[in-house]
Amino acid sequence: MQQATRVGRAIGALVFLHLATGLMTPYMILQPLSGQSAGAMAVAAGMEDRIRLAVAMLFVGGVIPVAIAITAWPVLRARGPALGQWLLALAAVSLAMQVVENQHDLAQLSLSLEHGRADADTAAVLAAVASQIRAAWRWAHYTHLLTVVGWMLLFCAVLFRLALVPRALAAAGVVTTLMQLGGITLPVLLGYRVPFAMEVWGVPLAFAYMGLSLWLLARGFASAPSDTSAYVLS
């Protein structure tokens, strides 16, 4: 079996794990917490085990883009080394932002647990700072989304540029990552409004990413043609 096929299949498995542990399952677990605003402190204490599980999954999910970039390096070194280096650098930034977001999730949990044990005066003080903790989590969350979806955009663009998968599949990844950024992440960070619900802008990315994972698991990366320079510039 050719190296490109082996590497591509390994990355297909990692993409599937990234979708499961870094993008979907933990945020579904955290939905009762993230869907709250003023009541987040009261909710967190009642789901301590679920928050800890979700954060553990997010740590794993944060490492996976780094693992993908490292796994892809033997192929990218020959076909587009600068792209491989950018992919690894942005993955490292995304991991750092994931760690920051996880810290804020755990800070909300700690505040909620302390609030439940506190006397009336201390509870009032904790309630006063809860909104600030919540705001810090929100900005950390959307900053992380900017970096991780930005990494996914670069990943799909690299696959398209080097024709490592069918370009229609890679293009679907590029388009849907741009939809997520323009319809969910940037509206929060830049303060503009978009039509339609968040699901309209975000769900297509899950399908495109899953499709990419299944293709890679089945076929791996496409082998380079004999004229490598023509391949890279195509």
Foldseek 3Di string as FASTA:
>chain_A
DDLQLVLLQVLLVLLVLLCCLANPDLCVLCCVQLVDALCNLQVLQVSVVSLVVNLVSNLVSLCSQLVNLVSCQVVCVVQPNVLSVVLNVLSVVLSVLSVQLSVLSVVSNVLSVVLVVDDPVVVVVSSVCNNVSRVSNVVSVLVSLVSVLVSQLSVLVVCLLLVFDPNVLSVLLNVLSVLLCVAPRCCVVVVDHDDDDNCVNHVSNSVSSNVSSVCSSVGGTDDADPPSVVSNRD
